[in-house]
Amino acid sequence: MPATKISGRQAIQQVLADGKPRKAKAIVTAAAEIATGLKGKTPEATLSAMLYVEAKKPVGIVVRTQNKGEFKLRPQRQARVKRPPAA
């Protein structure tokens, strides 16, 4: 049975799962070792670009911290539960 491929996004999430902010280079280096779904000659460049693009998205998986070049996982919001109107 073939092993499951791990995408770049999934690898970045695994690296940042402990909640600690990290420098971009440290994230990219660790995620490159985990990601199996990346093709090409420069997976580090792909992951680096993915990291910065995700940080720019309003609902991306990472956010930038106050420190230059540091990222952390975006906090997950609680889903709102719609309640039926009171009778």
Foldseek 3Di string as FASTA:
>chain_A
DDDDFQALLNLLCVVQVVFDKDALQVSLVRSVVVGPPDDDDCSSVVSSVLVVVLCPDPNRQWHADPDPRIIHGDDDDDDDDDDDDDD
